[in-house]
Amino acid sequence: MTRIDITGDQLVVTMQGMDRFWSLRRRIAVPLSHVRGATADPGVVREPAGVRAPGTHVPRFITAGTLYKDGERVFWNVRGSREPVVIELAEERCARLVRGVDDARATAERVERALIRD
């Protein structure tokens, strides 16, 4: 499971349980000023994720960790049963975060609302 929280002026992504193992990360914190936006994008899982380095990829089951695609670093943590939300970043090591959550639309809206307040 992955939690996405807005804490003060930061977006905090916390991997819990086996997601920590699969993605090789526990937590990612990004200043809200570096978040360009968030969208619910169910189609992103049907596209090639890229070359993993390091991470886990089992088609239609899990994509987790750092992947490179089109010269960009993207951090994934999506399992087959979760809805993907894509968080676009600027001035960060990764160009975007692709997370699997229970309700991608509500998560994207929550991130967008936080950006408006910022």
N, C-alpha and C. Protein backbone atom coordinates (compact mmCIF):
# COMPACT_ATOMS: atom_id res chain seq x y z
N MET A 1 0.85 -1.18 0.00
CA MET A 1 0.00 0.00 0.00
C MET A 1 0.89 1.24 0.00
N THR A 2 0.44 2.26 -0.68
CA THR A 2 1.15 3.52 -0.75
C THR A 2 0.24 4.62 -0.23
N ARG A 3 0.79 5.46 0.65
CA ARG A 3 0.03 6.61 1.15
C ARG A 3 0.60 7.87 0.53
N ILE A 4 -0.28 8.77 0.14
CA ILE A 4 0.12 10.07 -0.37
C ILE A 4 -0.50 11.11 0.55
N ASP A 5 0.36 11.89 1.22
CA ASP A 5 -0.10 12.89 2.18
C ASP A 5 0.44 14.26 1.81
N ILE A 6 -0.31 15.28 2.20
CA ILE A 6 0.15 16.66 2.10
C ILE A 6 0.44 17.08 3.53
N THR A 7 1.71 17.35 3.81
CA THR A 7 2.14 17.70 5.16
C THR A 7 2.84 19.05 5.09
N GLY A 8 2.18 20.07 5.58
CA GLY A 8 2.75 21.41 5.50
C GLY A 8 2.92 21.82 4.06
N ASP A 9 4.15 22.09 3.64
CA ASP A 9 4.42 22.49 2.27
C ASP A 9 5.08 21.37 1.47
N GLN A 10 4.82 20.10 1.88
CA GLN A 10 5.42 18.97 1.19
C GLN A 10 4.38 17.93 0.80
N LEU A 11 4.66 17.26 -0.32
CA LEU A 11 3.93 16.07 -0.73
C LEU A 11 4.77 14.91 -0.24
N VAL A 12 4.19 14.02 0.55
CA VAL A 12 4.93 12.90 1.12
C VAL A 12 4.29 11.60 0.64
N VAL A 13 5.09 10.78 -0.02
CA VAL A 13 4.65 9.47 -0.49
C VAL A 13 5.34 8.44 0.39
N THR A 14 4.54 7.60 1.05
CA THR A 14 5.09 6.59 1.96
C THR A 14 4.68 5.21 1.47
N MET A 15 5.67 4.37 1.23
CA MET A 15 5.42 2.99 0.85
C MET A 15 5.31 2.16 2.12
N GLN A 16 4.30 1.32 2.19
CA GLN A 16 4.08 0.50 3.37
C GLN A 16 4.06 -0.98 2.98
N GLY A 17 4.35 -1.82 3.95
CA GLY A 17 4.30 -3.26 3.72
C GLY A 17 5.25 -3.71 2.63
N MET A 18 4.78 -4.60 1.78
CA MET A 18 5.61 -5.15 0.71
C MET A 18 5.97 -4.11 -0.35
N ASP A 19 5.21 -3.02 -0.44
CA ASP A 19 5.55 -1.97 -1.41
C ASP A 19 6.95 -1.42 -1.14
N ARG A 20 7.35 -1.38 0.12
CA ARG A 20 8.72 -0.94 0.45
C ARG A 20 9.74 -1.89 -0.15
N PHE A 21 9.47 -3.15 -0.09
CA PHE A 21 10.36 -4.15 -0.64
C PHE A 21 10.42 -4.06 -2.17
N TRP A 22 9.26 -4.02 -2.82
CA TRP A 22 9.20 -4.00 -4.28
C TRP A 22 9.85 -2.76 -4.87
N SER A 23 9.60 -1.60 -4.26
CA SER A 23 10.09 -0.34 -4.85
C SER A 23 11.48 0.07 -4.36
N LEU A 24 11.98 -0.62 -3.34
CA LEU A 24 13.29 -0.32 -2.77
C LEU A 24 13.36 1.09 -2.18
N ARG A 25 12.23 1.61 -1.76
CA ARG A 25 12.15 2.92 -1.11
C ARG A 25 11.12 2.87 -0.01
N ARG A 26 11.30 3.72 0.99
CA ARG A 26 10.32 3.83 2.08
C ARG A 26 9.46 5.08 1.93
N ARG A 27 10.12 6.17 1.49
CA ARG A 27 9.44 7.45 1.53
C ARG A 27 10.05 8.40 0.50
N ILE A 28 9.20 9.23 -0.08
CA ILE A 28 9.64 10.30 -0.97
C ILE A 28 8.94 11.57 -0.50
N ALA A 29 9.69 12.61 -0.26
CA ALA A 29 9.13 13.91 0.13
C ALA A 29 9.55 14.94 -0.91
N VAL A 30 8.57 15.70 -1.41
CA VAL A 30 8.80 16.68 -2.46
C VAL A 30 8.13 17.99 -2.04
N PRO A 31 8.82 19.13 -2.14
CA PRO A 31 8.15 20.40 -1.86
C PRO A 31 6.97 20.61 -2.81
N LEU A 32 5.87 21.12 -2.31
CA LEU A 32 4.70 21.37 -3.17
C LEU A 32 5.06 22.31 -4.32
N SER A 33 6.01 23.18 -4.10
CA SER A 33 6.41 24.11 -5.17
C SER A 33 7.05 23.38 -6.36
N HIS A 34 7.44 22.11 -6.19
CA HIS A 34 8.02 21.31 -7.26
C HIS A 34 7.00 20.39 -7.91
N VAL A 35 5.77 20.40 -7.41
CA VAL A 35 4.70 19.56 -7.98
C VAL A 35 3.96 20.38 -9.03
N ARG A 36 3.98 19.90 -10.28
CA ARG A 36 3.30 20.61 -11.37
C ARG A 36 1.83 20.25 -11.46
N GLY A 37 1.46 19.05 -11.03
CA GLY A 37 0.07 18.63 -11.10
C GLY A 37 -0.07 17.15 -10.89
N ALA A 38 -1.32 16.71 -10.80
CA ALA A 38 -1.61 15.29 -10.59
C ALA A 38 -2.86 14.92 -11.38
N THR A 39 -2.84 13.73 -11.98
CA THR A 39 -3.99 13.26 -12.74
C THR A 39 -4.21 11.77 -12.48
N ALA A 40 -5.46 11.36 -12.55
CA ALA A 40 -5.80 9.94 -12.54
C ALA A 40 -5.63 9.47 -13.98
N ASP A 41 -4.79 8.47 -14.22
CA ASP A 41 -4.48 8.05 -15.58
C ASP A 41 -4.44 6.53 -15.68
N PRO A 42 -5.60 5.89 -15.87
CA PRO A 42 -5.61 4.43 -15.94
C PRO A 42 -4.85 3.87 -17.14
N GLY A 43 -4.66 4.66 -18.19
CA GLY A 43 -3.96 4.20 -19.38
C GLY A 43 -2.46 4.08 -19.23
N VAL A 44 -1.90 4.73 -18.21
CA VAL A 44 -0.44 4.72 -18.04
C VAL A 44 0.10 3.30 -17.83
N VAL A 45 -0.69 2.42 -17.25
CA VAL A 45 -0.21 1.05 -16.99
C VAL A 45 -0.21 0.19 -18.25
N ARG A 46 -0.88 0.64 -19.30
CA ARG A 46 -0.89 -0.12 -20.56
C ARG A 46 0.28 0.26 -21.48
N GLU A 47 0.98 1.34 -21.14
CA GLU A 47 2.13 1.78 -21.93
C GLU A 47 3.40 1.14 -21.35
N PRO A 48 4.45 0.99 -22.17
CA PRO A 48 5.71 0.49 -21.63
C PRO A 48 6.23 1.43 -20.54
N ALA A 49 6.63 0.88 -19.42
CA ALA A 49 7.08 1.69 -18.29
C ALA A 49 8.51 2.19 -18.47
N GLY A 50 9.31 1.47 -19.22
CA GLY A 50 10.70 1.87 -19.43
C GLY A 50 11.65 0.80 -18.93
N VAL A 51 12.90 1.20 -18.78
CA VAL A 51 13.95 0.30 -18.33
C VAL A 51 14.11 0.46 -16.83
N ARG A 52 14.04 -0.63 -16.10
CA ARG A 52 14.11 -0.52 -14.64
C ARG A 52 15.55 -0.49 -14.16
N ALA A 53 15.76 0.35 -13.13
CA ALA A 53 17.11 0.49 -12.60
C ALA A 53 17.10 1.26 -11.29
N PRO A 54 16.98 0.74 -10.16
CA PRO A 54 16.57 -0.62 -9.81
C PRO A 54 15.06 -0.66 -9.58
N GLY A 55 14.52 -1.83 -9.52
CA GLY A 55 13.10 -1.96 -9.27
C GLY A 55 12.58 -3.34 -9.61
N THR A 56 11.26 -3.44 -9.65
CA THR A 56 10.57 -4.70 -9.89
C THR A 56 9.55 -4.49 -10.98
N HIS A 57 9.47 -5.42 -11.93
CA HIS A 57 8.44 -5.34 -12.96
C HIS A 57 7.98 -6.75 -13.32
N VAL A 58 6.74 -7.03 -13.01
CA VAL A 58 6.10 -8.27 -13.41
C VAL A 58 4.84 -7.84 -14.15
N PRO A 59 4.79 -7.99 -15.48
CA PRO A 59 3.67 -7.48 -16.27
C PRO A 59 2.31 -7.86 -15.70
N ARG A 60 1.42 -6.88 -15.66
CA ARG A 60 0.04 -6.99 -15.15
C ARG A 60 -0.05 -7.32 -13.67
N PHE A 61 1.09 -7.32 -12.96
CA PHE A 61 1.06 -7.58 -11.53
C PHE A 61 1.63 -6.41 -10.74
N ILE A 62 2.87 -6.02 -11.05
CA ILE A 62 3.50 -4.93 -10.30
C ILE A 62 4.58 -4.24 -11.13
N THR A 63 4.62 -2.93 -10.99
CA THR A 63 5.73 -2.12 -11.49
C THR A 63 6.11 -1.22 -10.33
N ALA A 64 7.35 -1.35 -9.87
CA ALA A 64 7.78 -0.58 -8.69
C ALA A 64 9.26 -0.27 -8.80
N GLY A 65 9.61 0.95 -8.39
CA GLY A 65 11.00 1.37 -8.39
C GLY A 65 11.26 2.43 -9.43
N THR A 66 12.53 2.67 -9.70
CA THR A 66 12.94 3.69 -10.65
C THR A 66 13.02 3.08 -12.04
N LEU A 67 12.37 3.74 -12.99
CA LEU A 67 12.44 3.31 -14.38
C LEU A 67 12.80 4.51 -15.24
N TYR A 68 13.49 4.25 -16.35
CA TYR A 68 13.89 5.30 -17.28
C TYR A 68 13.13 5.13 -18.58
N LYS A 69 12.51 6.22 -19.03
CA LYS A 69 11.77 6.18 -20.29
C LYS A 69 11.95 7.53 -20.98
N ASP A 70 12.34 7.48 -22.24
CA ASP A 70 12.52 8.70 -23.04
C ASP A 70 13.45 9.70 -22.36
N GLY A 71 14.49 9.19 -21.73
CA GLY A 71 15.47 10.06 -21.09
C GLY A 71 15.05 10.64 -19.75
N GLU A 72 13.90 10.22 -19.23
CA GLU A 72 13.41 10.72 -17.94
C GLU A 72 13.39 9.60 -16.91
N ARG A 73 13.60 9.99 -15.67
CA ARG A 73 13.52 9.06 -14.55
C ARG A 73 12.09 9.16 -13.99
N VAL A 74 11.45 8.02 -13.85
CA VAL A 74 10.08 7.96 -13.33
C VAL A 74 10.06 6.95 -12.18
N PHE A 75 9.46 7.34 -11.07
CA PHE A 75 9.37 6.42 -9.94
C PHE A 75 7.97 5.81 -9.91
N TRP A 76 7.89 4.49 -9.98
CA TRP A 76 6.63 3.74 -10.04
C TRP A 76 6.39 2.98 -8.74
N ASN A 77 5.13 2.81 -8.40
CA ASN A 77 4.71 1.87 -7.38
C ASN A 77 3.24 1.57 -7.63
N VAL A 78 2.99 0.67 -8.59
CA VAL A 78 1.61 0.33 -8.98
C VAL A 78 1.49 -1.18 -9.02
N ARG A 79 0.48 -1.68 -8.33
CA ARG A 79 0.12 -3.10 -8.44
C ARG A 79 -1.14 -3.21 -9.26
N GLY A 80 -1.37 -4.36 -9.85
CA GLY A 80 -2.48 -4.57 -10.77
C GLY A 80 -3.84 -4.12 -10.29
N SER A 81 -4.14 -4.26 -9.02
CA SER A 81 -5.47 -3.94 -8.52
C SER A 81 -5.64 -2.48 -8.13
N ARG A 82 -4.60 -1.68 -8.15
CA ARG A 82 -4.66 -0.28 -7.73
C ARG A 82 -4.87 0.64 -8.92
N GLU A 83 -5.48 1.79 -8.66
CA GLU A 83 -5.69 2.80 -9.70
C GLU A 83 -4.48 3.73 -9.74
N PRO A 84 -3.90 3.97 -10.92
CA PRO A 84 -2.71 4.82 -10.99
C PRO A 84 -3.04 6.31 -10.97
N VAL A 85 -2.26 7.05 -10.21
CA VAL A 85 -2.28 8.51 -10.22
C VAL A 85 -0.87 8.94 -10.62
N VAL A 86 -0.79 9.91 -11.54
CA VAL A 86 0.50 10.39 -12.03
C VAL A 86 0.72 11.79 -11.47
N ILE A 87 1.83 11.97 -10.78
CA ILE A 87 2.19 13.26 -10.19
C ILE A 87 3.39 13.80 -10.96
N GLU A 88 3.19 14.91 -11.66
CA GLU A 88 4.24 15.54 -12.46
C GLU A 88 5.09 16.43 -11.57
N LEU A 89 6.42 16.33 -11.73
CA LEU A 89 7.34 17.10 -10.89
C LEU A 89 8.26 17.99 -11.73
N ALA A 90 8.77 19.01 -11.11
CA ALA A 90 9.77 19.90 -11.72
C ALA A 90 10.92 20.06 -10.73
N GLU A 91 12.12 20.23 -11.23
CA GLU A 91 13.29 20.45 -10.39
C GLU A 91 13.55 19.32 -9.39
N GLU A 92 13.19 18.11 -9.77
CA GLU A 92 13.40 16.94 -8.92
C GLU A 92 14.16 15.89 -9.70
N ARG A 93 14.70 14.94 -9.01
CA ARG A 93 15.44 13.85 -9.63
C ARG A 93 14.55 13.05 -10.58
N CYS A 94 13.31 12.84 -10.19
CA CYS A 94 12.34 12.13 -11.04
C CYS A 94 11.41 13.14 -11.71
N ALA A 95 11.06 12.86 -12.96
CA ALA A 95 10.14 13.73 -13.69
C ALA A 95 8.69 13.52 -13.25
N ARG A 96 8.40 12.31 -12.79
CA ARG A 96 7.03 12.03 -12.31
C ARG A 96 7.03 10.84 -11.36
N LEU A 97 5.97 10.79 -10.59
CA LEU A 97 5.71 9.67 -9.69
C LEU A 97 4.43 9.00 -10.19
N VAL A 98 4.46 7.71 -10.37
CA VAL A 98 3.27 6.96 -10.76
C VAL A 98 2.95 6.03 -9.60
N ARG A 99 1.84 6.27 -8.94
CA ARG A 99 1.47 5.55 -7.72
C ARG A 99 0.16 4.82 -7.91
N GLY A 100 0.06 3.67 -7.29
CA GLY A 100 -1.20 2.95 -7.26
C GLY A 100 -1.92 3.26 -5.95
N VAL A 101 -3.16 3.70 -6.05
CA VAL A 101 -3.93 4.07 -4.86
C VAL A 101 -5.34 3.48 -4.98
N ASP A 102 -6.11 3.57 -3.90
CA ASP A 102 -7.48 3.06 -3.92
C ASP A 102 -8.39 3.90 -4.80
N ASP A 103 -8.24 5.23 -4.75
CA ASP A 103 -9.10 6.14 -5.51
C ASP A 103 -8.22 7.21 -6.17
N ALA A 104 -7.82 6.96 -7.41
CA ALA A 104 -6.89 7.86 -8.10
C ALA A 104 -7.49 9.24 -8.32
N ARG A 105 -8.75 9.31 -8.67
CA ARG A 105 -9.38 10.61 -8.93
C ARG A 105 -9.39 11.48 -7.67
N ALA A 106 -9.78 10.91 -6.55
CA ALA A 106 -9.82 11.66 -5.29
C ALA A 106 -8.41 12.08 -4.86
N THR A 107 -7.43 11.22 -5.07
CA THR A 107 -6.05 11.55 -4.71
C THR A 107 -5.53 12.69 -5.57
N ALA A 108 -5.78 12.63 -6.88
CA ALA A 108 -5.34 13.69 -7.79
C ALA A 108 -6.01 15.02 -7.41
N GLU A 109 -7.29 14.99 -7.10
CA GLU A 109 -8.00 16.21 -6.70
C GLU A 109 -7.43 16.79 -5.40
N ARG A 110 -7.08 15.93 -4.46
CA ARG A 110 -6.51 16.39 -3.19
C ARG A 110 -5.16 17.07 -3.42
N VAL A 111 -4.34 16.50 -4.29
CA VAL A 111 -3.04 17.11 -4.60
C VAL A 111 -3.26 18.44 -5.31
N GLU A 112 -4.17 18.49 -6.26
CA GLU A 112 -4.45 19.72 -7.00
C GLU A 112 -4.95 20.83 -6.06
N ARG A 113 -5.82 20.47 -5.11
CA ARG A 113 -6.32 21.46 -4.13
C ARG A 113 -5.17 22.02 -3.29
N ALA A 114 -4.24 21.16 -2.91
CA ALA A 114 -3.09 21.61 -2.13
C ALA A 114 -2.22 22.58 -2.93
N LEU A 115 -2.13 22.37 -4.24
CA LEU A 115 -1.34 23.25 -5.08
C LEU A 115 -1.98 24.63 -5.21
N ILE A 116 -3.29 24.67 -5.21
CA ILE A 116 -4.01 25.95 -5.29
C ILE A 116 -3.79 26.76 -4.02
N ARG A 117 -3.79 26.07 -2.87
CA ARG A 117 -3.58 26.76 -1.58
C ARG A 117 -2.15 27.24 -1.42
N ASP A 118 -1.21 26.55 -2.06
CA ASP A 118 0.21 26.85 -1.89
C ASP A 118 0.59 28.20 -2.43
